[in-house]
Amino acid sequence: MVVLSVEAYENPRFDNEVYFKLQEAEREARATKRRFSSKETLKAMREAIWDENA
């Protein structure tokens, strides 16, 4: 039996989630020529955060 703190358990989960999201983004980038500017990306991120907090 292994006992972990919540932080120790969640940290690798977060790392894995980021890794899989990056893999997904790379697959999408290979599948399309559409690219987003940093301004478009930042705007979308702000809107997503704003919607989430509403």
PDB file of N, CA and C in Angstrom:
ATOM      1  N   MET A   1       0.840  -1.176   0.000  1.00  0.00           N
ATOM      2  CA  MET A   1       0.000   0.000   0.000  1.00  0.00           C
ATOM      3  C   MET A   1       0.887   1.241   0.000  1.00  0.00           C
ATOM      4  N   VAL A   2       0.536   2.199  -0.853  1.00  0.00           N
ATOM      5  CA  VAL A   2       1.299   3.435  -0.959  1.00  0.00           C
ATOM      6  C   VAL A   2       0.418   4.587  -0.504  1.00  0.00           C
ATOM      7  N   VAL A   3       0.967   5.452   0.324  1.00  0.00           N
ATOM      8  CA  VAL A   3       0.229   6.604   0.814  1.00  0.00           C
ATOM      9  C   VAL A   3       0.898   7.857   0.252  1.00  0.00           C
ATOM     10  N   LEU A   4       0.087   8.702  -0.398  1.00  0.00           N
ATOM     11  CA  LEU A   4       0.585   9.950  -0.971  1.00  0.00           C
ATOM     12  C   LEU A   4      -0.226  11.117  -0.452  1.00  0.00           C
ATOM     13  N   SER A   5       0.407  12.253  -0.381  1.00  0.00           N
ATOM     14  CA  SER A   5      -0.348  13.460  -0.074  1.00  0.00           C
ATOM     15  C   SER A   5      -1.188  13.818  -1.296  1.00  0.00           C
ATOM     16  N   VAL A   6      -2.195  14.623  -1.111  1.00  0.00           N
ATOM     17  CA  VAL A   6      -3.039  15.060  -2.226  1.00  0.00           C
ATOM     18  C   VAL A   6      -2.180  15.795  -3.251  1.00  0.00           C
ATOM     19  N   GLU A   7      -1.267  16.642  -2.780  1.00  0.00           N
ATOM     20  CA  GLU A   7      -0.404  17.403  -3.679  1.00  0.00           C
ATOM     21  C   GLU A   7       0.476  16.471  -4.515  1.00  0.00           C
ATOM     22  N   ALA A   8       1.032  15.453  -3.904  1.00  0.00           N
ATOM     23  CA  ALA A   8       1.891  14.512  -4.625  1.00  0.00           C
ATOM     24  C   ALA A   8       1.095  13.728  -5.658  1.00  0.00           C
ATOM     25  N   TYR A   9      -0.147  13.419  -5.356  1.00  0.00           N
ATOM     26  CA  TYR A   9      -1.011  12.697  -6.296  1.00  0.00           C
ATOM     27  C   TYR A   9      -1.435  13.591  -7.450  1.00  0.00           C
ATOM     28  N   GLU A  10      -1.829  14.832  -7.150  1.00  0.00           N
ATOM     29  CA  GLU A  10      -2.365  15.717  -8.174  1.00  0.00           C
ATOM     30  C   GLU A  10      -1.299  16.275  -9.093  1.00  0.00           C
ATOM     31  N   ASN A  11      -0.086  16.474  -8.619  1.00  0.00           N
ATOM     32  CA  ASN A  11       0.968  17.051  -9.449  1.00  0.00           C
ATOM     33  C   ASN A  11       1.260  16.198 -10.683  1.00  0.00           C
ATOM     34  N   PRO A  12       1.501  14.889 -10.556  1.00  0.00           N
ATOM     35  CA  PRO A  12       1.707  14.084 -11.759  1.00  0.00           C
ATOM     36  C   PRO A  12       0.476  14.059 -12.664  1.00  0.00           C
ATOM     37  N   ARG A  13      -0.721  14.090 -12.073  1.00  0.00           N
ATOM     38  CA  ARG A  13      -1.931  14.133 -12.892  1.00  0.00           C
ATOM     39  C   ARG A  13      -1.952  15.398 -13.730  1.00  0.00           C
ATOM     40  N   PHE A  14      -1.575  16.523 -13.134  1.00  0.00           N
ATOM     41  CA  PHE A  14      -1.528  17.790 -13.861  1.00  0.00           C
ATOM     42  C   PHE A  14      -0.494  17.708 -14.978  1.00  0.00           C
ATOM     43  N   ASP A  15       0.674  17.181 -14.679  1.00  0.00           N
ATOM     44  CA  ASP A  15       1.727  17.037 -15.692  1.00  0.00           C
ATOM     45  C   ASP A  15       1.243  16.174 -16.853  1.00  0.00           C
ATOM     46  N   ASN A  16       0.570  15.078 -16.545  1.00  0.00           N
ATOM     47  CA  ASN A  16       0.038  14.208 -17.593  1.00  0.00           C
ATOM     48  C   ASN A  16      -1.004  14.927 -18.428  1.00  0.00           C
ATOM     49  N   GLU A  17      -1.867  15.691 -17.786  1.00  0.00           N
ATOM     50  CA  GLU A  17      -2.904  16.423 -18.513  1.00  0.00           C
ATOM     51  C   GLU A  17      -2.275  17.425 -19.476  1.00  0.00           C
ATOM     52  N   VAL A  18      -1.258  18.148 -19.021  1.00  0.00           N
ATOM     53  CA  VAL A  18      -0.568  19.111 -19.883  1.00  0.00           C
ATOM     54  C   VAL A  18       0.088  18.380 -21.049  1.00  0.00           C
ATOM     55  N   TYR A  19       0.737  17.273 -20.770  1.00  0.00           N
ATOM     56  CA  TYR A  19       1.397  16.494 -21.817  1.00  0.00           C
ATOM     57  C   TYR A  19       0.398  16.043 -22.884  1.00  0.00           C
ATOM     58  N   PHE A  20      -0.755  15.512 -22.461  1.00  0.00           N
ATOM     59  CA  PHE A  20      -1.756  15.041 -23.420  1.00  0.00           C
ATOM     60  C   PHE A  20      -2.372  16.193 -24.202  1.00  0.00           C
ATOM     61  N   LYS A  21      -2.544  17.344 -23.567  1.00  0.00           N
ATOM     62  CA  LYS A  21      -3.068  18.523 -24.272  1.00  0.00           C
ATOM     63  C   LYS A  21      -2.063  18.992 -25.334  1.00  0.00           C
ATOM     64  N   LEU A  22      -0.783  18.942 -25.002  1.00  0.00           N
ATOM     65  CA  LEU A  22       0.236  19.312 -25.984  1.00  0.00           C
ATOM     66  C   LEU A  22       0.261  18.331 -27.156  1.00  0.00           C
ATOM     67  N   GLN A  23       0.114  17.047 -26.865  1.00  0.00           N
ATOM     68  CA  GLN A  23       0.039  16.050 -27.943  1.00  0.00           C
ATOM     69  C   GLN A  23      -1.157  16.319 -28.844  1.00  0.00           C
ATOM     70  N   GLU A  24      -2.291  16.626 -28.240  1.00  0.00           N
ATOM     71  CA  GLU A  24      -3.499  16.923 -28.998  1.00  0.00           C
ATOM     72  C   GLU A  24      -3.282  18.149 -29.892  1.00  0.00           C
ATOM     73  N   ALA A  25      -2.640  19.179 -29.352  1.00  0.00           N
ATOM     74  CA  ALA A  25      -2.368  20.392 -30.128  1.00  0.00           C
ATOM     75  C   ALA A  25      -1.429  20.101 -31.296  1.00  0.00           C
ATOM     76  N   GLU A  26      -0.436  19.259 -31.075  1.00  0.00           N
ATOM     77  CA  GLU A  26       0.481  18.896 -32.156  1.00  0.00           C
ATOM     78  C   GLU A  26      -0.233  18.127 -33.262  1.00  0.00           C
ATOM     79  N   ARG A  27      -1.138  17.216 -32.893  1.00  0.00           N
ATOM     80  CA  ARG A  27      -1.916  16.482 -33.909  1.00  0.00           C
ATOM     81  C   ARG A  27      -2.785  17.438 -34.717  1.00  0.00           C
ATOM     82  N   GLU A  28      -3.414  18.374 -34.026  1.00  0.00           N
ATOM     83  CA  GLU A  28      -4.266  19.342 -34.709  1.00  0.00           C
ATOM     84  C   GLU A  28      -3.438  20.231 -35.631  1.00  0.00           C
ATOM     85  N   ALA A  29      -2.255  20.631 -35.178  1.00  0.00           N
ATOM     86  CA  ALA A  29      -1.391  21.478 -36.005  1.00  0.00           C
ATOM     87  C   ALA A  29      -0.965  20.756 -37.281  1.00  0.00           C
ATOM     88  N   ARG A  30      -0.731  19.458 -37.187  1.00  0.00           N
ATOM     89  CA  ARG A  30      -0.357  18.686 -38.384  1.00  0.00           C
ATOM     90  C   ARG A  30      -1.542  18.510 -39.329  1.00  0.00           C
ATOM     91  N   ALA A  31      -2.748  18.528 -38.787  1.00  0.00           N
ATOM     92  CA  ALA A  31      -3.950  18.252 -39.583  1.00  0.00           C
ATOM     93  C   ALA A  31      -4.499  19.481 -40.302  1.00  0.00           C
ATOM     94  N   THR A  32      -4.053  20.668 -39.913  1.00  0.00           N
ATOM     95  CA  THR A  32      -4.607  21.888 -40.509  1.00  0.00           C
ATOM     96  C   THR A  32      -3.512  22.935 -40.685  1.00  0.00           C
ATOM     97  N   LYS A  33      -3.761  23.850 -41.586  1.00  0.00           N
ATOM     98  CA  LYS A  33      -2.814  24.953 -41.799  1.00  0.00           C
ATOM     99  C   LYS A  33      -3.209  26.195 -41.001  1.00  0.00           C
ATOM    100  N   ARG A  34      -4.364  26.151 -40.334  1.00  0.00           N
ATOM    101  CA  ARG A  34      -4.855  27.301 -39.563  1.00  0.00           C
ATOM    102  C   ARG A  34      -3.936  27.566 -38.385  1.00  0.00           C
ATOM    103  N   ARG A  35      -3.526  28.812 -38.250  1.00  0.00           N
ATOM    104  CA  ARG A  35      -2.678  29.225 -37.135  1.00  0.00           C
ATOM    105  C   ARG A  35      -3.319  30.429 -36.465  1.00  0.00           C
ATOM    106  N   PHE A  36      -3.072  30.592 -35.173  1.00  0.00           N
ATOM    107  CA  PHE A  36      -3.638  31.685 -34.401  1.00  0.00           C
ATOM    108  C   PHE A  36      -2.512  32.586 -33.919  1.00  0.00           C
ATOM    109  N   SER A  37      -2.773  33.885 -33.949  1.00  0.00           N
ATOM    110  CA  SER A  37      -1.794  34.832 -33.428  1.00  0.00           C
ATOM    111  C   SER A  37      -1.812  34.780 -31.904  1.00  0.00           C
ATOM    112  N   SER A  38      -0.804  35.368 -31.296  1.00  0.00           N
ATOM    113  CA  SER A  38      -0.769  35.405 -29.830  1.00  0.00           C
ATOM    114  C   SER A  38      -1.936  36.231 -29.293  1.00  0.00           C
ATOM    115  N   LYS A  39      -2.327  37.279 -30.025  1.00  0.00           N
ATOM    116  CA  LYS A  39      -3.465  38.099 -29.581  1.00  0.00           C
ATOM    117  C   LYS A  39      -4.759  37.293 -29.626  1.00  0.00           C
ATOM    118  N   GLU A  40      -4.957  36.509 -30.683  1.00  0.00           N
ATOM    119  CA  GLU A  40      -6.162  35.673 -30.779  1.00  0.00           C
ATOM    120  C   GLU A  40      -6.192  34.638 -29.660  1.00  0.00           C
ATOM    121  N   THR A  41      -5.045  34.057 -29.391  1.00  0.00           N
ATOM    122  CA  THR A  41      -4.945  33.037 -28.355  1.00  0.00           C
ATOM    123  C   THR A  41      -5.235  33.628 -26.974  1.00  0.00           C
ATOM    124  N   LEU A  42      -4.631  34.773 -26.681  1.00  0.00           N
ATOM    125  CA  LEU A  42      -4.845  35.419 -25.390  1.00  0.00           C
ATOM    126  C   LEU A  42      -6.310  35.817 -25.227  1.00  0.00           C
ATOM    127  N   LYS A  43      -6.916  36.339 -26.290  1.00  0.00           N
ATOM    128  CA  LYS A  43      -8.328  36.718 -26.231  1.00  0.00           C
ATOM    129  C   LYS A  43      -9.197  35.493 -25.920  1.00  0.00           C
ATOM    130  N   ALA A  44      -8.937  34.384 -26.599  1.00  0.00           N
ATOM    131  CA  ALA A  44      -9.715  33.163 -26.374  1.00  0.00           C
ATOM    132  C   ALA A  44      -9.532  32.650 -24.944  1.00  0.00           C
ATOM    133  N   MET A  45      -8.311  32.732 -24.432  1.00  0.00           N
ATOM    134  CA  MET A  45      -8.045  32.286 -23.067  1.00  0.00           C
ATOM    135  C   MET A  45      -8.797  33.148 -22.059  1.00  0.00           C
ATOM    136  N   ARG A  46      -8.753  34.464 -22.274  1.00  0.00           N
ATOM    137  CA  ARG A  46      -9.460  35.360 -21.356  1.00  0.00           C
ATOM    138  C   ARG A  46     -10.962  35.096 -21.384  1.00  0.00           C
ATOM    139  N   GLU A  47     -11.514  34.894 -22.591  1.00  0.00           N
ATOM    140  CA  GLU A  47     -12.933  34.614 -22.699  1.00  0.00           C
ATOM    141  C   GLU A  47     -13.297  33.304 -22.005  1.00  0.00           C
ATOM    142  N   ALA A  48     -12.440  32.291 -22.150  1.00  0.00           N
ATOM    143  CA  ALA A  48     -12.707  31.007 -21.507  1.00  0.00           C
ATOM    144  C   ALA A  48     -12.673  31.148 -19.987  1.00  0.00           C
ATOM    145  N   ILE A  49     -11.722  31.894 -19.484  1.00  0.00           N
ATOM    146  CA  ILE A  49     -11.618  32.100 -18.040  1.00  0.00           C
ATOM    147  C   ILE A  49     -12.798  32.927 -17.549  1.00  0.00           C
ATOM    148  N   TRP A  50     -13.150  33.949 -18.283  1.00  0.00           N
ATOM    149  CA  TRP A  50     -14.279  34.819 -17.909  1.00  0.00           C
ATOM    150  C   TRP A  50     -15.568  34.001 -17.849  1.00  0.00           C
ATOM    151  N   ASP A  51     -15.801  33.162 -18.900  1.00  0.00           N
ATOM    152  CA  ASP A  51     -17.005  32.332 -18.935  1.00  0.00           C
ATOM    153  C   ASP A  51     -17.024  31.345 -17.778  1.00  0.00           C
ATOM    154  N   GLU A  52     -15.876  30.801 -17.454  1.00  0.00           N
ATOM    155  CA  GLU A  52     -15.782  29.810 -16.383  1.00  0.00           C
ATOM    156  C   GLU A  52     -16.104  30.429 -15.027  1.00  0.00           C
ATOM    157  N   ASN A  53     -15.727  31.677 -14.835  1.00  0.00           N
ATOM    158  CA  ASN A  53     -15.937  32.349 -13.557  1.00  0.00           C
ATOM    159  C   ASN A  53     -17.306  33.009 -13.454  1.00  0.00           C
ATOM    160  N   ALA A  54     -18.052  33.037 -14.531  1.00  0.00           N
ATOM    161  CA  ALA A  54     -19.367  33.699 -14.521  1.00  0.00           C
ATOM    162  C   ALA A  54     -20.403  32.871 -13.792  1.00  0.00           C
TER     163      ALA A  54
END
